[in-house]
Protein backbone atom coordinates (compact mmCIF):
# COMPACT_ATOMS: atom_id res chain seq x y z
CA MET A 1 -35.17 128.88 -179.37
CA THR A 2 -33.82 131.73 -177.72
CA ASN A 3 -36.25 134.16 -179.46
CA ALA A 4 -39.21 132.08 -178.93
CA SER A 5 -41.31 131.05 -176.05
CA PRO A 6 -39.86 128.80 -173.55
CA ILE A 7 -40.55 125.05 -173.98
CA ARG A 8 -43.11 124.22 -171.17
CA VAL A 9 -42.15 121.16 -169.69
CA LEU A 10 -44.23 118.79 -167.32
CA LEU A 11 -41.73 116.30 -165.16
CA VAL A 12 -43.45 112.87 -164.44
CA ASP A 13 -41.72 110.66 -161.83
CA ASP A 14 -42.68 108.86 -158.91
CA HIS A 15 -39.26 109.89 -156.80
CA ALA A 16 -39.81 113.55 -155.55
CA LEU A 17 -36.03 114.21 -155.23
CA PHE A 18 -35.28 113.10 -158.71
CA ARG A 19 -38.11 115.41 -160.21
CA LYS A 20 -36.76 118.40 -158.08
CA GLY A 21 -33.20 117.98 -159.38
CA ILE A 22 -34.30 117.84 -163.21
CA ALA A 23 -36.81 121.02 -162.36
CA SER A 24 -33.61 122.42 -160.95
CA LEU A 25 -31.33 121.66 -163.85
CA LEU A 26 -33.94 122.74 -166.50
CA ALA A 27 -34.84 125.86 -164.34
CA ALA A 28 -31.17 126.98 -164.95
CA GLU A 29 -31.18 125.97 -168.52
CA PRO A 30 -32.09 128.87 -171.33
CA GLY A 31 -35.27 127.66 -173.06
CA PHE A 32 -37.35 125.53 -170.70
CA GLU A 33 -39.83 126.45 -168.12
CA VAL A 34 -41.13 123.60 -165.71
CA VAL A 35 -44.90 124.23 -165.61
CA GLY A 36 -45.79 120.87 -163.24
CA GLU A 37 -44.91 117.80 -161.89
CA ALA A 38 -47.07 114.41 -161.47
CA GLU A 39 -45.71 111.50 -159.11
CA ASP A 40 -47.84 108.52 -161.68
CA GLY A 41 -49.27 108.00 -164.57
CA VAL A 42 -52.80 108.86 -163.63
CA ARG A 43 -51.85 112.16 -162.20
CA ALA A 44 -49.65 112.83 -165.32
CA VAL A 45 -52.77 112.49 -167.57
CA GLU A 46 -54.68 114.90 -165.27
CA ARG A 47 -51.66 117.62 -165.27
CA ALA A 48 -51.60 117.00 -168.96
CA ARG A 49 -55.24 118.42 -169.39
CA GLU A 50 -54.58 121.15 -166.98
CA LEU A 51 -51.58 122.50 -168.57
CA ILE A 52 -51.32 121.54 -171.75
CA PRO A 53 -47.74 121.45 -171.75
CA ASP A 54 -45.15 121.39 -174.82
CA LEU A 55 -43.11 118.22 -173.55
CA ILE A 56 -43.49 115.74 -170.84
CA VAL A 57 -40.41 113.94 -169.39
CA MET A 58 -41.84 110.89 -168.48
CA ASP A 59 -40.67 107.88 -166.08
CA LEU A 60 -41.76 104.30 -166.97
CA ASN A 61 -42.23 102.44 -163.94
CA MET A 62 -44.58 104.18 -161.80
CA PRO A 63 -47.62 103.42 -159.47
CA ARG A 64 -51.37 103.36 -160.61
CA ALA A 65 -50.39 103.90 -164.21
CA GLY A 66 -47.06 103.44 -165.79
CA GLY A 67 -45.45 105.88 -168.19
CA ALA A 68 -45.95 103.82 -171.40
CA GLU A 69 -49.98 103.67 -170.59
CA ALA A 70 -49.55 107.24 -169.58
CA THR A 71 -48.29 108.14 -173.01
CA ARG A 72 -50.78 106.46 -174.95
CA ARG A 73 -53.80 107.86 -173.19
CA ILE A 74 -52.00 111.79 -173.17
CA LEU A 75 -51.35 111.46 -176.76
CA GLU A 76 -55.00 110.31 -177.75
CA GLU A 77 -56.28 113.56 -176.22
CA PHE A 78 -53.26 115.89 -177.26
CA PRO A 79 -51.53 114.33 -180.46
CA TYR A 80 -49.22 117.53 -180.59
CA VAL A 81 -47.86 117.20 -177.05
CA LYS A 82 -44.22 115.69 -177.76
CA ILE A 83 -43.18 112.84 -174.79
CA VAL A 84 -40.14 111.61 -174.14
CA ILE A 85 -39.29 108.69 -171.57
CA LEU A 86 -36.33 109.11 -168.87
CA THR A 87 -35.79 105.92 -166.86
CA VAL A 88 -33.60 103.53 -165.48
CA SER A 89 -34.81 100.59 -167.52
CA ASP A 90 -32.93 99.49 -170.59
CA ASP A 91 -35.31 96.59 -170.74
CA ASP A 92 -36.34 95.55 -174.51
CA LYS A 93 -39.90 95.55 -174.07
CA ASP A 94 -40.09 98.64 -171.79
CA LEU A 95 -38.69 100.24 -174.94
CA PHE A 96 -40.75 98.71 -177.16
CA ASP A 97 -43.74 99.39 -175.45
CA ALA A 98 -43.13 102.83 -175.28
CA VAL A 99 -42.22 103.72 -178.49
CA ARG A 100 -45.29 101.80 -179.90
CA GLY A 101 -47.38 104.21 -177.21
CA GLY A 102 -46.00 107.24 -179.32
CA ALA A 103 -42.86 108.44 -177.04
CA HIS A 104 -40.96 110.69 -179.08
CA GLY A 105 -37.65 109.59 -177.32
CA TYR A 106 -36.29 107.02 -175.04
CA LEU A 107 -33.53 108.05 -172.55
CA LEU A 108 -31.72 106.30 -169.82
CA LYS A 109 -31.29 108.41 -166.19
CA LYS A 110 -27.69 108.14 -166.42
CA ILE A 111 -27.60 110.75 -169.14
CA GLU A 112 -25.45 113.76 -168.87
CA PRO A 113 -27.63 117.19 -168.81
CA LYS A 114 -26.37 118.65 -171.86
CA ALA A 115 -27.16 115.28 -173.84
CA LEU A 116 -30.98 115.70 -172.16
CA PHE A 117 -30.97 119.69 -173.06
CA ASP A 118 -29.94 118.62 -176.71
CA THR A 119 -32.43 115.82 -176.99
CA LEU A 120 -35.38 117.61 -175.72
CA ARG A 121 -34.81 120.45 -177.99
CA GLY A 122 -34.40 118.03 -180.50
CA VAL A 123 -37.71 116.46 -179.84
CA MET A 124 -39.34 119.89 -180.13
CA ARG A 125 -37.83 120.44 -183.38
CA GLY A 126 -39.10 116.98 -184.80
CA GLU A 127 -35.53 115.95 -185.06
CA ALA A 128 -35.12 113.37 -182.35
CA SER A 129 -32.29 111.15 -183.19
CA ILE A 130 -32.59 107.15 -182.42
CA SER A 131 -29.48 105.89 -180.69
CA ARG A 132 -27.65 102.73 -181.80
CA THR A 133 -28.67 101.18 -178.45
CA MET A 134 -32.14 101.95 -178.94
CA ALA A 135 -32.12 100.54 -182.63
CA ALA A 136 -30.68 97.37 -181.70
CA LYS A 137 -33.07 96.51 -179.01
CA LEU A 138 -36.21 97.69 -181.09
CA MET A 139 -34.78 95.39 -183.82
CA GLY A 140 -34.58 92.45 -181.34
CA GLU A 141 -38.17 93.45 -179.89
CA PHE A 142 -39.50 93.48 -183.61
CA SER A 143 -37.85 90.10 -184.44
CA ARG A 144 -39.63 88.23 -181.50
CA GLN A 145 -43.21 90.02 -181.63
CA ASN A 146 -43.38 90.82 -185.57
CA ALA A 147 -42.06 87.55 -187.15
CA ARG A 148 -44.84 87.83 -189.86
CA ALA A 149 -43.76 91.23 -191.03
CA ALA A 150 -41.15 90.23 -193.67
CA SER A 151 -44.18 88.13 -195.52
CA GLY A 152 -46.58 91.33 -194.78
CA ALA A 153 -44.54 93.50 -197.42
CA GLU A 154 -47.68 93.56 -199.59
CA ARG A 155 -50.04 95.23 -197.32
CA ARG A 156 -47.13 98.39 -196.83
CA PRO A 157 -47.90 101.34 -198.74
CA GLU A 158 -45.78 101.94 -201.88
CA LEU A 159 -43.21 104.82 -200.88
CA SER A 160 -41.50 106.75 -203.73
CA PRO A 161 -37.70 106.21 -203.80
CA ARG A 162 -37.08 109.62 -202.55
CA GLU A 163 -39.41 108.91 -199.60
CA VAL A 164 -37.14 105.85 -198.96
CA GLU A 165 -33.93 107.90 -199.13
CA VAL A 166 -35.65 110.18 -196.56
CA LEU A 167 -36.66 107.38 -194.23
CA GLY A 168 -33.13 105.76 -194.53
CA LEU A 169 -31.57 108.75 -193.08
CA VAL A 170 -34.06 109.43 -190.30
CA ALA A 171 -32.98 105.88 -189.05
CA HIS A 172 -29.56 107.25 -189.27
CA GLY A 173 -30.24 110.02 -186.71
CA LYS A 174 -30.04 112.78 -189.18
CA SER A 175 -31.96 115.88 -188.82
CA ASN A 176 -34.12 117.60 -191.44
CA LYS A 177 -31.11 120.06 -192.49
CA GLU A 178 -28.70 117.35 -192.78
CA ILE A 179 -31.23 115.34 -194.86
CA ALA A 180 -31.58 118.45 -197.22
CA ALA A 181 -28.04 118.49 -197.86
CA ALA A 182 -27.14 114.86 -198.41
CA LEU A 183 -30.21 114.75 -201.00
CA ASP A 184 -29.48 118.25 -202.16
CA ILE A 185 -32.96 119.34 -201.95
CA ALA A 186 -34.80 122.16 -199.83
CA GLU A 187 -35.34 121.49 -195.84
CA ASN A 188 -39.37 122.41 -196.78
CA THR A 189 -39.36 119.55 -198.94
CA VAL A 190 -37.85 117.15 -196.60
CA LYS A 191 -40.74 117.99 -193.97
CA ASN A 192 -43.04 117.32 -196.61
CA HIS A 193 -41.81 114.02 -197.24
CA LEU A 194 -41.69 113.16 -193.81
CA LYS A 195 -45.43 114.06 -193.58
CA ASN A 196 -46.62 112.05 -196.45
CA ILE A 197 -44.09 108.86 -195.17
CA LEU A 198 -45.93 109.15 -191.50
CA GLU A 199 -49.57 109.55 -193.21
CA LYS A 200 -48.82 106.26 -195.65
CA LEU A 201 -47.45 104.14 -193.06
CA HIS A 202 -49.90 105.08 -190.16
CA LEU A 203 -47.05 106.28 -187.68
CA ALA A 204 -47.25 108.44 -185.24
CA ASN A 205 -43.85 110.08 -184.97
CA ARG A 206 -40.20 110.43 -186.30
CA VAL A 207 -38.74 107.46 -183.62
CA GLN A 208 -41.73 105.19 -185.24
CA ALA A 209 -40.54 105.56 -188.64
CA ALA A 210 -37.14 105.27 -187.99
CA THR A 211 -37.87 101.90 -186.27
CA PHE A 212 -39.86 101.03 -189.36
CA ALA A 213 -37.02 101.81 -191.62
CA LEU A 214 -34.94 99.55 -189.54
CA ARG A 215 -37.29 96.55 -189.43
CA GLU A 216 -37.59 96.65 -193.12
CA GLY A 217 -33.74 97.22 -193.70
CA LEU A 218 -33.87 100.52 -195.13
CA LEU A 219 -31.20 101.90 -193.49
CA ASN A 220 -28.44 101.38 -195.77
CA LYS A 221 -30.16 102.90 -198.97
CA PRO A 222 -27.64 104.96 -200.85
CA PRO A 223 -28.82 108.58 -201.32
CA LYS A 224 -29.23 109.97 -204.91
CA LYS A 225 -27.67 113.57 -205.57
CA ASN A 226 -30.33 114.38 -208.33
CA GLY A 227 -33.83 115.30 -207.64
């Protein structure tokens, strides 16, 4: 994104010192512009309306309204805004609530700065990966809360064989370029498949698609090299 406009970032965290620290890191990193800050979920919604950022980095546990609730409310109004959760919580339920709310990523605050920058850029490209730790926690939560999912397969819209292959590679954390190379198809074709998958499954984003693939056991579908 070096020749494009900077990614306009809204930071949301109830700890001012942490917000200022992230803001300083992003200010020193090419391609990012911190356009505002908010101290809780209610203020985050207000600031999102005022600023219309490209990307929101959101804490979870905050006064008045938490990050999962704020994420849902913001994406209802601005579905094109990308939201990444940055939190100290590795609780399964917090993760599950955030992903169901539409979060495009879930990171722990112990992350290294470079990994944070890379992840945020990946989210803006629509290529955020899902970590093994996140996948394991999501699977555990699905097992507890969606026990009937296995018997509900008849309600699942039918995916084409190619869409199943693409979805499995998404769950492996592959980018569009990597998926295109693995399946020997054009990158634009991958994007079209992903768009169709999200529409068919009524999912909000790539993270939810990867979660679906994990739940349905599509992770290890072998790719075909023709077609």
